[in-house]
Amino acid sequence: AARLFQGKILFILVDSHAKGNDRVMSYFHLKKSQLPAVALYHTPD
């Protein structure tokens, strides 16, 4: 999918098992029971 959106969207992997990444999940109101999940973020607005 990432190749289809070259120059439009950067694709990022967040390992939910890695230490500290649960805090990143919390910013998107995600719980481990809801994973896998994707979140889009637009930096200017």
ModelCIF file with pLDDT and N, C-alpha, C, O atoms, coordinates in Angstrom:
data_MODEL
#
_entry.id   MODEL 
#
_entity.id                         1 
_entity.type                       polymer 
_entity.pdbx_number_of_molecules   1 
#
_entity_poly.entity_id                      1 
_entity_poly.type                           'polypeptide(L)' 
_entity_poly.nstd_linkage                   no 
_entity_poly.nstd_monomer                   no 
_entity_poly.pdbx_seq_one_letter_code       AARLFQGKILFILVDSHAKGNDRVMSYFHLKKSQLPAVALYHTPD 
_entity_poly.pdbx_seq_one_letter_code_can   AARLFQGKILFILVDSHAKGNDRVMSYFHLKKSQLPAVALYHTPD 
_entity_poly.pdbx_strand_id                 A 
#
loop_
_entity_poly_seq.entity_id 
_entity_poly_seq.num 
_entity_poly_seq.mon_id 
_entity_poly_seq.hetero 
1 1  ALA n 
1 2  ALA n 
1 3  ARG n 
1 4  LEU n 
1 5  PHE n 
1 6  GLN n 
1 7  GLY n 
1 8  LYS n 
1 9  ILE n 
1 10 LEU n 
1 11 PHE n 
1 12 ILE n 
1 13 LEU n 
1 14 VAL n 
1 15 ASP n 
1 16 SER n 
1 17 HIS n 
1 18 ALA n 
1 19 LYS n 
1 20 GLY n 
1 21 ASN n 
1 22 ASP n 
1 23 ARG n 
1 24 VAL n 
1 25 MET n 
1 26 SER n 
1 27 TYR n 
1 28 PHE n 
1 29 HIS n 
1 30 LEU n 
1 31 LYS n 
1 32 LYS n 
1 33 SER n 
1 34 GLN n 
1 35 LEU n 
1 36 PRO n 
1 37 ALA n 
1 38 VAL n 
1 39 ALA n 
1 40 LEU n 
1 41 TYR n 
1 42 HIS n 
1 43 THR n 
1 44 PRO n 
1 45 ASP n 
#
_struct_asym.id          A 
_struct_asym.entity_id   1 
#
loop_
_ma_qa_metric.id 
_ma_qa_metric.mode 
_ma_qa_metric.name 
_ma_qa_metric.software_group_id 
_ma_qa_metric.type 
1 global pLDDT . pLDDT 
2 local  pLDDT . pLDDT 
#
_ma_qa_metric_global.metric_id      1 
_ma_qa_metric_global.metric_value   93.33 
_ma_qa_metric_global.model_id       1 
_ma_qa_metric_global.ordinal_id     1 
#
loop_
_ma_qa_metric_local.label_asym_id 
_ma_qa_metric_local.label_comp_id 
_ma_qa_metric_local.label_seq_id 
_ma_qa_metric_local.metric_id 
_ma_qa_metric_local.metric_value 
_ma_qa_metric_local.model_id 
_ma_qa_metric_local.ordinal_id 
A ALA 1  2 97.00 1 1  
A ALA 2  2 97.00 1 2  
A ARG 3  2 96.00 1 3  
A LEU 4  2 97.00 1 4  
A PHE 5  2 96.00 1 5  
A GLN 6  2 94.00 1 6  
A GLY 7  2 93.00 1 7  
A LYS 8  2 95.00 1 8  
A ILE 9  2 97.00 1 9  
A LEU 10 2 97.00 1 10 
A PHE 11 2 98.00 1 11 
A ILE 12 2 97.00 1 12 
A LEU 13 2 97.00 1 13 
A VAL 14 2 97.00 1 14 
A ASP 15 2 96.00 1 15 
A SER 16 2 94.00 1 16 
A HIS 17 2 90.00 1 17 
A ALA 18 2 91.00 1 18 
A LYS 19 2 87.00 1 19 
A GLY 20 2 86.00 1 20 
A ASN 21 2 91.00 1 21 
A ASP 22 2 89.00 1 22 
A ARG 23 2 89.00 1 23 
A VAL 24 2 91.00 1 24 
A MET 25 2 93.00 1 25 
A SER 26 2 92.00 1 26 
A TYR 27 2 91.00 1 27 
A PHE 28 2 93.00 1 28 
A HIS 29 2 92.00 1 29 
A LEU 30 2 94.00 1 30 
A LYS 31 2 92.00 1 31 
A LYS 32 2 91.00 1 32 
A SER 33 2 92.00 1 33 
A GLN 34 2 93.00 1 34 
A LEU 35 2 94.00 1 35 
A PRO 36 2 95.00 1 36 
A ALA 37 2 96.00 1 37 
A VAL 38 2 97.00 1 38 
A ALA 39 2 97.00 1 39 
A LEU 40 2 96.00 1 40 
A TYR 41 2 94.00 1 41 
A HIS 42 2 93.00 1 42 
A THR 43 2 89.00 1 43 
A PRO 44 2 88.00 1 44 
A ASP 45 2 86.00 1 45 
#
loop_
_atom_site.group_PDB 
_atom_site.id 
_atom_site.type_symbol 
_atom_site.label_atom_id 
_atom_site.label_alt_id 
_atom_site.label_comp_id 
_atom_site.label_asym_id 
_atom_site.label_entity_id 
_atom_site.label_seq_id 
_atom_site.pdbx_PDB_ins_code 
_atom_site.Cartn_x 
_atom_site.Cartn_y 
_atom_site.Cartn_z 
_atom_site.occupancy 
_atom_site.B_iso_or_equiv 
_atom_site.pdbx_formal_charge 
_atom_site.auth_seq_id 
_atom_site.auth_comp_id 
_atom_site.auth_asym_id 
_atom_site.auth_atom_id 
_atom_site.pdbx_PDB_model_num 
ATOM 1   N N  . ALA A 1 1  ? 0.830  -1.208 0.000  1.00 97.00 ? 1  ALA A N  1 
ATOM 2   C CA . ALA A 1 1  ? 0.000  0.000  0.000  1.00 97.00 ? 1  ALA A CA 1 
ATOM 3   C C  . ALA A 1 1  ? 0.862  1.255  0.000  1.00 97.00 ? 1  ALA A C  1 
ATOM 4   O O  . ALA A 1 1  ? 0.524  2.251  -0.639 1.00 97.00 ? 1  ALA A O  1 
ATOM 5   N N  . ALA A 1 2  ? 1.978  1.199  0.721  1.00 97.00 ? 2  ALA A N  1 
ATOM 6   C CA . ALA A 1 2  ? 2.851  2.371  0.818  1.00 97.00 ? 2  ALA A CA 1 
ATOM 7   C C  . ALA A 1 2  ? 3.341  2.820  -0.556 1.00 97.00 ? 2  ALA A C  1 
ATOM 8   O O  . ALA A 1 2  ? 3.453  4.019  -0.810 1.00 97.00 ? 2  ALA A O  1 
ATOM 9   N N  . ARG A 1 3  ? 3.625  1.893  -1.419 1.00 96.00 ? 3  ARG A N  1 
ATOM 10  C CA . ARG A 1 3  ? 4.116  2.233  -2.750 1.00 96.00 ? 3  ARG A CA 1 
ATOM 11  C C  . ARG A 1 3  ? 3.055  2.985  -3.566 1.00 96.00 ? 3  ARG A C  1 
ATOM 12  O O  . ARG A 1 3  ? 3.387  3.766  -4.458 1.00 96.00 ? 3  ARG A O  1 
ATOM 13  N N  . LEU A 1 4  ? 1.796  2.743  -3.256 1.00 97.00 ? 4  LEU A N  1 
ATOM 14  C CA . LEU A 1 4  ? 0.709  3.399  -3.990 1.00 97.00 ? 4  LEU A CA 1 
ATOM 15  C C  . LEU A 1 4  ? 0.544  4.863  -3.603 1.00 97.00 ? 4  LEU A C  1 
ATOM 16  O O  . LEU A 1 4  ? -0.064 5.643  -4.337 1.00 97.00 ? 4  LEU A O  1 
ATOM 17  N N  . PHE A 1 5  ? 1.088  5.231  -2.445 1.00 96.00 ? 5  PHE A N  1 
ATOM 18  C CA . PHE A 1 5  ? 0.906  6.592  -1.949 1.00 96.00 ? 5  PHE A CA 1 
ATOM 19  C C  . PHE A 1 5  ? 2.241  7.331  -1.820 1.00 96.00 ? 5  PHE A C  1 
ATOM 20  O O  . PHE A 1 5  ? 2.399  8.212  -0.974 1.00 96.00 ? 5  PHE A O  1 
ATOM 21  N N  . GLN A 1 6  ? 3.188  6.959  -2.667 1.00 94.00 ? 6  GLN A N  1 
ATOM 22  C CA . GLN A 1 6  ? 4.496  7.625  -2.649 1.00 94.00 ? 6  GLN A CA 1 
ATOM 23  C C  . GLN A 1 6  ? 4.322  9.121  -2.873 1.00 94.00 ? 6  GLN A C  1 
ATOM 24  O O  . GLN A 1 6  ? 3.620  9.548  -3.790 1.00 94.00 ? 6  GLN A O  1 
ATOM 25  N N  . GLY A 1 7  ? 4.967  9.909  -2.024 1.00 93.00 ? 7  GLY A N  1 
ATOM 26  C CA . GLY A 1 7  ? 4.890  11.359 -2.138 1.00 93.00 ? 7  GLY A CA 1 
ATOM 27  C C  . GLY A 1 7  ? 3.636  11.970 -1.545 1.00 93.00 ? 7  GLY A C  1 
ATOM 28  O O  . GLY A 1 7  ? 3.510  13.194 -1.499 1.00 93.00 ? 7  GLY A O  1 
ATOM 29  N N  . LYS A 1 8  ? 2.696  11.136 -1.085 1.00 95.00 ? 8  LYS A N  1 
ATOM 30  C CA . LYS A 1 8  ? 1.453  11.624 -0.497 1.00 95.00 ? 8  LYS A CA 1 
ATOM 31  C C  . LYS A 1 8  ? 1.346  11.299 0.989  1.00 95.00 ? 8  LYS A C  1 
ATOM 32  O O  . LYS A 1 8  ? 0.907  12.128 1.786  1.00 95.00 ? 8  LYS A O  1 
ATOM 33  N N  . ILE A 1 9  ? 1.753  10.081 1.353  1.00 97.00 ? 9  ILE A N  1 
ATOM 34  C CA . ILE A 1 9  ? 1.633  9.627  2.738  1.00 97.00 ? 9  ILE A CA 1 
ATOM 35  C C  . ILE A 1 9  ? 2.894  8.841  3.117  1.00 97.00 ? 9  ILE A C  1 
ATOM 36  O O  . ILE A 1 9  ? 3.368  8.005  2.348  1.00 97.00 ? 9  ILE A O  1 
ATOM 37  N N  . LEU A 1 10 ? 3.423  9.115  4.292  1.00 97.00 ? 10 LEU A N  1 
ATOM 38  C CA . LEU A 1 10 ? 4.516  8.318  4.841  1.00 97.00 ? 10 LEU A CA 1 
ATOM 39  C C  . LEU A 1 10 ? 3.918  7.211  5.703  1.00 97.00 ? 10 LEU A C  1 
ATOM 40  O O  . LEU A 1 10 ? 3.075  7.472  6.561  1.00 97.00 ? 10 LEU A O  1 
ATOM 41  N N  . PHE A 1 11 ? 4.352  5.991  5.475  1.00 98.00 ? 11 PHE A N  1 
ATOM 42  C CA . PHE A 1 11 ? 3.833  4.838  6.204  1.00 98.00 ? 11 PHE A CA 1 
ATOM 43  C C  . PHE A 1 11 ? 4.784  4.494  7.352  1.00 98.00 ? 11 PHE A C  1 
ATOM 44  O O  . PHE A 1 11 ? 5.990  4.346  7.157  1.00 98.00 ? 11 PHE A O  1 
ATOM 45  N N  . ILE A 1 12 ? 4.219  4.372  8.537  1.00 97.00 ? 12 ILE A N  1 
ATOM 46  C CA . ILE A 1 12 ? 5.006  4.182  9.751  1.00 97.00 ? 12 ILE A CA 1 
ATOM 47  C C  . ILE A 1 12 ? 4.516  2.939  10.486 1.00 97.00 ? 12 ILE A C  1 
ATOM 48  O O  . ILE A 1 12 ? 3.315  2.673  10.541 1.00 97.00 ? 12 ILE A O  1 
ATOM 49  N N  . LEU A 1 13 ? 5.438  2.193  11.039 1.00 97.00 ? 13 LEU A N  1 
ATOM 50  C CA . LEU A 1 13 ? 5.114  1.040  11.870 1.00 97.00 ? 13 LEU A CA 1 
ATOM 51  C C  . LEU A 1 13 ? 5.371  1.391  13.323 1.00 97.00 ? 13 LEU A C  1 
ATOM 52  O O  . LEU A 1 13 ? 6.454  1.865  13.668 1.00 97.00 ? 13 LEU A O  1 
ATOM 53  N N  . VAL A 1 14 ? 4.373  1.159  14.185 1.00 97.00 ? 14 VAL A N  1 
ATOM 54  C CA . VAL A 1 14 ? 4.528  1.345  15.620 1.00 97.00 ? 14 VAL A CA 1 
ATOM 55  C C  . VAL A 1 14 ? 4.332  -0.017 16.279 1.00 97.00 ? 14 VAL A C  1 
ATOM 56  O O  . VAL A 1 14 ? 3.228  -0.561 16.276 1.00 97.00 ? 14 VAL A O  1 
ATOM 57  N N  . ASP A 1 15 ? 5.401  -0.560 16.841 1.00 96.00 ? 15 ASP A N  1 
ATOM 58  C CA . ASP A 1 15 ? 5.337  -1.868 17.495 1.00 96.00 ? 15 ASP A CA 1 
ATOM 59  C C  . ASP A 1 15 ? 4.655  -1.704 18.848 1.00 96.00 ? 15 ASP A C  1 
ATOM 60  O O  . ASP A 1 15 ? 5.201  -1.074 19.754 1.00 96.00 ? 15 ASP A O  1 
ATOM 61  N N  . SER A 1 16 ? 3.467  -2.270 18.982 1.00 94.00 ? 16 SER A N  1 
ATOM 62  C CA . SER A 1 16 ? 2.699  -2.113 20.222 1.00 94.00 ? 16 SER A CA 1 
ATOM 63  C C  . SER A 1 16 ? 3.357  -2.825 21.401 1.00 94.00 ? 16 SER A C  1 
ATOM 64  O O  . SER A 1 16 ? 3.034  -2.558 22.559 1.00 94.00 ? 16 SER A O  1 
ATOM 65  N N  . HIS A 1 17 ? 4.270  -3.720 21.100 1.00 90.00 ? 17 HIS A N  1 
ATOM 66  C CA . HIS A 1 17 ? 4.943  -4.491 22.151 1.00 90.00 ? 17 HIS A CA 1 
ATOM 67  C C  . HIS A 1 17 ? 6.180  -3.770 22.684 1.00 90.00 ? 17 HIS A C  1 
ATOM 68  O O  . HIS A 1 17 ? 6.704  -4.128 23.739 1.00 90.00 ? 17 HIS A O  1 
ATOM 69  N N  . ALA A 1 18 ? 6.648  -2.748 21.950 1.00 91.00 ? 18 ALA A N  1 
ATOM 70  C CA . ALA A 1 18 ? 7.870  -2.044 22.338 1.00 91.00 ? 18 ALA A CA 1 
ATOM 71  C C  . ALA A 1 18 ? 7.612  -1.115 23.519 1.00 91.00 ? 18 ALA A C  1 
ATOM 72  O O  . ALA A 1 18 ? 6.541  -0.518 23.634 1.00 91.00 ? 18 ALA A O  1 
ATOM 73  N N  . LYS A 1 19 ? 8.585  -1.005 24.372 1.00 87.00 ? 19 LYS A N  1 
ATOM 74  C CA . LYS A 1 19 ? 8.467  -0.184 25.569 1.00 87.00 ? 19 LYS A CA 1 
ATOM 75  C C  . LYS A 1 19 ? 8.220  1.279  25.188 1.00 87.00 ? 19 LYS A C  1 
ATOM 76  O O  . LYS A 1 19 ? 8.919  1.842  24.345 1.00 87.00 ? 19 LYS A O  1 
ATOM 77  N N  . GLY A 1 20 ? 7.236  1.866  25.811 1.00 86.00 ? 20 GLY A N  1 
ATOM 78  C CA . GLY A 1 20 ? 6.946  3.279  25.590 1.00 86.00 ? 20 GLY A CA 1 
ATOM 79  C C  . GLY A 1 20 ? 5.939  3.550  24.493 1.00 86.00 ? 20 GLY A C  1 
ATOM 80  O O  . GLY A 1 20 ? 5.342  4.626  24.464 1.00 86.00 ? 20 GLY A O  1 
ATOM 81  N N  . ASN A 1 21 ? 5.731  2.602  23.585 1.00 91.00 ? 21 ASN A N  1 
ATOM 82  C CA . ASN A 1 21 ? 4.817  2.857  22.466 1.00 91.00 ? 21 ASN A CA 1 
ATOM 83  C C  . ASN A 1 21 ? 3.351  2.846  22.876 1.00 91.00 ? 21 ASN A C  1 
ATOM 84  O O  . ASN A 1 21 ? 2.492  3.302  22.121 1.00 91.00 ? 21 ASN A O  1 
ATOM 85  N N  . ASP A 1 22 ? 3.058  2.325  24.071 1.00 89.00 ? 22 ASP A N  1 
ATOM 86  C CA . ASP A 1 22 ? 1.685  2.389  24.550 1.00 89.00 ? 22 ASP A CA 1 
ATOM 87  C C  . ASP A 1 22 ? 1.255  3.839  24.753 1.00 89.00 ? 22 ASP A C  1 
ATOM 88  O O  . ASP A 1 22 ? 0.070  4.163  24.674 1.00 89.00 ? 22 ASP A O  1 
ATOM 89  N N  . ARG A 1 23 ? 2.229  4.706  25.016 1.00 89.00 ? 23 ARG A N  1 
ATOM 90  C CA . ARG A 1 23 ? 1.926  6.130  25.171 1.00 89.00 ? 23 ARG A CA 1 
ATOM 91  C C  . ARG A 1 23 ? 1.557  6.750  23.828 1.00 89.00 ? 23 ARG A C  1 
ATOM 92  O O  . ARG A 1 23 ? 0.707  7.638  23.762 1.00 89.00 ? 23 ARG A O  1 
ATOM 93  N N  . VAL A 1 24 ? 2.194  6.283  22.763 1.00 91.00 ? 24 VAL A N  1 
ATOM 94  C CA . VAL A 1 24 ? 1.825  6.768  21.429 1.00 91.00 ? 24 VAL A CA 1 
ATOM 95  C C  . VAL A 1 24 ? 0.397  6.329  21.106 1.00 91.00 ? 24 VAL A C  1 
ATOM 96  O O  . VAL A 1 24 ? -0.397 7.107  20.575 1.00 91.00 ? 24 VAL A O  1 
ATOM 97  N N  . MET A 1 25 ? 0.082  5.079  21.430 1.00 93.00 ? 25 MET A N  1 
ATOM 98  C CA . MET A 1 25 ? -1.271 4.571  21.203 1.00 93.00 ? 25 MET A CA 1 
ATOM 99  C C  . MET A 1 25 ? -2.310 5.410  21.930 1.00 93.00 ? 25 MET A C  1 
ATOM 100 O O  . MET A 1 25 ? -3.398 5.660  21.411 1.00 93.00 ? 25 MET A O  1 
ATOM 101 N N  . SER A 1 26 ? -1.966 5.839  23.128 1.00 92.00 ? 26 SER A N  1 
ATOM 102 C CA . SER A 1 26 ? -2.944 6.569  23.932 1.00 92.00 ? 26 SER A CA 1 
ATOM 103 C C  . SER A 1 26 ? -3.319 7.906  23.301 1.00 92.00 ? 26 SER A C  1 
ATOM 104 O O  . SER A 1 26 ? -4.425 8.397  23.526 1.00 92.00 ? 26 SER A O  1 
ATOM 105 N N  . TYR A 1 27 ? -2.437 8.498  22.528 1.00 91.00 ? 27 TYR A N  1 
ATOM 106 C CA . TYR A 1 27 ? -2.754 9.766  21.869 1.00 91.00 ? 27 TYR A CA 1 
ATOM 107 C C  . TYR A 1 27 ? -3.840 9.601  20.815 1.00 91.00 ? 27 TYR A C  1 
ATOM 108 O O  . TYR A 1 27 ? -4.522 10.557 20.446 1.00 91.00 ? 27 TYR A O  1 
ATOM 109 N N  . PHE A 1 28 ? -3.986 8.363  20.338 1.00 93.00 ? 28 PHE A N  1 
ATOM 110 C CA . PHE A 1 28 ? -5.028 8.088  19.350 1.00 93.00 ? 28 PHE A CA 1 
ATOM 111 C C  . PHE A 1 28 ? -6.181 7.305  19.965 1.00 93.00 ? 28 PHE A C  1 
ATOM 112 O O  . PHE A 1 28 ? -7.013 6.747  19.249 1.00 93.00 ? 28 PHE A O  1 
ATOM 113 N N  . HIS A 1 29 ? -6.229 7.266  21.298 1.00 92.00 ? 29 HIS A N  1 
ATOM 114 C CA . HIS A 1 29 ? -7.307 6.590  22.025 1.00 92.00 ? 29 HIS A CA 1 
ATOM 115 C C  . HIS A 1 29 ? -7.430 5.126  21.622 1.00 92.00 ? 29 HIS A C  1 
ATOM 116 O O  . HIS A 1 29 ? -8.536 4.600  21.501 1.00 92.00 ? 29 HIS A O  1 
ATOM 117 N N  . LEU A 1 30 ? -6.306 4.480  21.419 1.00 94.00 ? 30 LEU A N  1 
ATOM 118 C CA . LEU A 1 30 ? -6.306 3.074  21.024 1.00 94.00 ? 30 LEU A CA 1 
ATOM 119 C C  . LEU A 1 30 ? -5.898 2.188  22.194 1.00 94.00 ? 30 LEU A C  1 
ATOM 120 O O  . LEU A 1 30 ? -5.052 2.555  23.009 1.00 94.00 ? 30 LEU A O  1 
ATOM 121 N N  . LYS A 1 31 ? -6.518 1.019  22.256 1.00 92.00 ? 31 LYS A N  1 
ATOM 122 C CA . LYS A 1 31 ? -6.161 0.001  23.235 1.00 92.00 ? 31 LYS A CA 1 
ATOM 123 C C  . LYS A 1 31 ? -5.620 -1.216 22.494 1.00 92.00 ? 31 LYS A C  1 
ATOM 124 O O  . LYS A 1 31 ? -5.920 -1.421 21.318 1.00 92.00 ? 31 LYS A O  1 
ATOM 125 N N  . LYS A 1 32 ? -4.829 -2.011 23.182 1.00 91.00 ? 32 LYS A N  1 
ATOM 126 C CA . LYS A 1 32 ? -4.243 -3.184 22.531 1.00 91.00 ? 32 LYS A CA 1 
ATOM 127 C C  . LYS A 1 32 ? -5.307 -4.147 22.029 1.00 91.00 ? 32 LYS A C  1 
ATOM 128 O O  . LYS A 1 32 ? -5.083 -4.878 21.065 1.00 91.00 ? 32 LYS A O  1 
ATOM 129 N N  . SER A 1 33 ? -6.463 -4.148 22.681 1.00 92.00 ? 33 SER A N  1 
ATOM 130 C CA . SER A 1 33 ? -7.545 -5.031 22.253 1.00 92.00 ? 33 SER A CA 1 
ATOM 131 C C  . SER A 1 33 ? -8.120 -4.626 20.898 1.00 92.00 ? 33 SER A C  1 
ATOM 132 O O  . SER A 1 33 ? -8.830 -5.407 20.264 1.00 92.00 ? 33 SER A O  1 
ATOM 133 N N  . GLN A 1 34 ? -7.814 -3.403 20.452 1.00 93.00 ? 34 GLN A N  1 
ATOM 134 C CA . GLN A 1 34 ? -8.334 -2.908 19.170 1.00 93.00 ? 34 GLN A CA 1 
ATOM 135 C C  . GLN A 1 34 ? -7.347 -3.130 18.017 1.00 93.00 ? 34 GLN A C  1 
ATOM 136 O O  . GLN A 1 34 ? -7.661 -2.818 16.868 1.00 93.00 ? 34 GLN A O  1 
ATOM 137 N N  . LEU A 1 35 ? -6.182 -3.656 18.309 1.00 94.00 ? 35 LEU A N  1 
ATOM 138 C CA . LEU A 1 35 ? -5.139 -3.793 17.296 1.00 94.00 ? 35 LEU A CA 1 
ATOM 139 C C  . LEU A 1 35 ? -5.297 -5.083 16.507 1.00 94.00 ? 35 LEU A C  1 
ATOM 140 O O  . LEU A 1 35 ? -5.855 -6.059 17.007 1.00 94.00 ? 35 LEU A O  1 
ATOM 141 N N  . PRO A 1 36 ? -4.794 -5.084 15.251 1.00 95.00 ? 36 PRO A N  1 
ATOM 142 C CA . PRO A 1 36 ? -4.090 -3.991 14.579 1.00 95.00 ? 36 PRO A CA 1 
ATOM 143 C C  . PRO A 1 36 ? -5.031 -2.841 14.220 1.00 95.00 ? 36 PRO A C  1 
ATOM 144 O O  . PRO A 1 36 ? -6.228 -3.035 14.011 1.00 95.00 ? 36 PRO A O  1 
ATOM 145 N N  . ALA A 1 37 ? -4.460 -1.652 14.157 1.00 96.00 ? 37 ALA A N  1 
ATOM 146 C CA . ALA A 1 37 ? -5.217 -0.458 13.802 1.00 96.00 ? 37 ALA A CA 1 
ATOM 147 C C  . ALA A 1 37 ? -4.304 0.505  13.063 1.00 96.00 ? 37 ALA A C  1 
ATOM 148 O O  . ALA A 1 37 ? -3.081 0.437  13.185 1.00 96.00 ? 37 ALA A O  1 
ATOM 149 N N  . VAL A 1 38 ? -4.910 1.401  12.297 1.00 97.00 ? 38 VAL A N  1 
ATOM 150 C CA . VAL A 1 38 ? -4.139 2.428  11.600 1.00 97.00 ? 38 VAL A CA 1 
ATOM 151 C C  . VAL A 1 38 ? -4.670 3.799  12.007 1.00 97.00 ? 38 VAL A C  1 
ATOM 152 O O  . VAL A 1 38 ? -5.852 3.964  12.308 1.00 97.00 ? 38 VAL A O  1 
ATOM 153 N N  . ALA A 1 39 ? -3.771 4.769  12.008 1.00 97.00 ? 39 ALA A N  1 
ATOM 154 C CA . ALA A 1 39 ? -4.145 6.144  12.342 1.00 97.00 ? 39 ALA A CA 1 
ATOM 155 C C  . ALA A 1 39 ? -3.477 7.083  11.348 1.00 97.00 ? 39 ALA A C  1 
ATOM 156 O O  . ALA A 1 39 ? -2.276 6.980  11.099 1.00 97.00 ? 39 ALA A O  1 
ATOM 157 N N  . LEU A 1 40 ? -4.245 7.985  10.790 1.00 96.00 ? 40 LEU A N  1 
ATOM 158 C CA . LEU A 1 40 ? -3.718 9.010  9.882  1.00 96.00 ? 40 LEU A CA 1 
ATOM 159 C C  . LEU A 1 40 ? -3.554 10.315 10.640 1.00 96.00 ? 40 LEU A C  1 
ATOM 160 O O  . LEU A 1 40 ? -4.387 10.689 11.466 1.00 96.00 ? 40 LEU A O  1 
ATOM 161 N N  . TYR A 1 41 ? -2.456 10.999 10.338 1.00 94.00 ? 41 TYR A N  1 
ATOM 162 C CA . TYR A 1 41 ? -2.151 12.260 11.023 1.00 94.00 ? 41 TYR A CA 1 
ATOM 163 C C  . TYR A 1 41 ? -1.631 13.257 9.998  1.00 94.00 ? 41 TYR A C  1 
ATOM 164 O O  . TYR A 1 41 ? -0.680 12.968 9.272  1.00 94.00 ? 41 TYR A O  1 
ATOM 165 N N  . HIS A 1 42 ? -2.254 14.434 9.938  1.00 93.00 ? 42 HIS A N  1 
ATOM 166 C CA . HIS A 1 42 ? -1.852 15.478 8.998  1.00 93.00 ? 42 HIS A CA 1 
ATOM 167 C C  . HIS A 1 42 ? -1.196 16.599 9.790  1.00 93.00 ? 42 HIS A C  1 
ATOM 168 O O  . HIS A 1 42 ? -1.863 17.259 10.588 1.00 93.00 ? 42 HIS A O  1 
ATOM 169 N N  . THR A 1 43 ? 0.092  16.827 9.587  1.00 89.00 ? 43 THR A N  1 
ATOM 170 C CA . THR A 1 43 ? 0.849  17.708 10.473 1.00 89.00 ? 43 THR A CA 1 
ATOM 171 C C  . THR A 1 43 ? 0.462  19.192 10.403 1.00 89.00 ? 43 THR A C  1 
ATOM 172 O O  . THR A 1 43 ? 0.456  19.839 11.450 1.00 89.00 ? 43 THR A O  1 
ATOM 173 N N  . PRO A 1 44 ? 0.135  19.777 9.232  1.00 88.00 ? 44 PRO A N  1 
ATOM 174 C CA . PRO A 1 44 ? -0.134 21.220 9.219  1.00 88.00 ? 44 PRO A CA 1 
ATOM 175 C C  . PRO A 1 44 ? -1.328 21.639 10.067 1.00 88.00 ? 44 PRO A C  1 
ATOM 176 O O  . PRO A 1 44 ? -1.249 22.632 10.790 1.00 88.00 ? 44 PRO A O  1 
ATOM 177 N N  . ASP A 1 45 ? -2.434 20.897 9.992  1.00 86.00 ? 45 ASP A N  1 
ATOM 178 C CA . ASP A 1 45 ? -3.631 21.281 10.745 1.00 86.00 ? 45 ASP A CA 1 
ATOM 179 C C  . ASP A 1 45 ? -3.940 20.302 11.871 1.00 86.00 ? 45 ASP A C  1 
ATOM 180 O O  . ASP A 1 45 ? -4.917 20.485 12.597 1.00 86.00 ? 45 ASP A O  1 
#
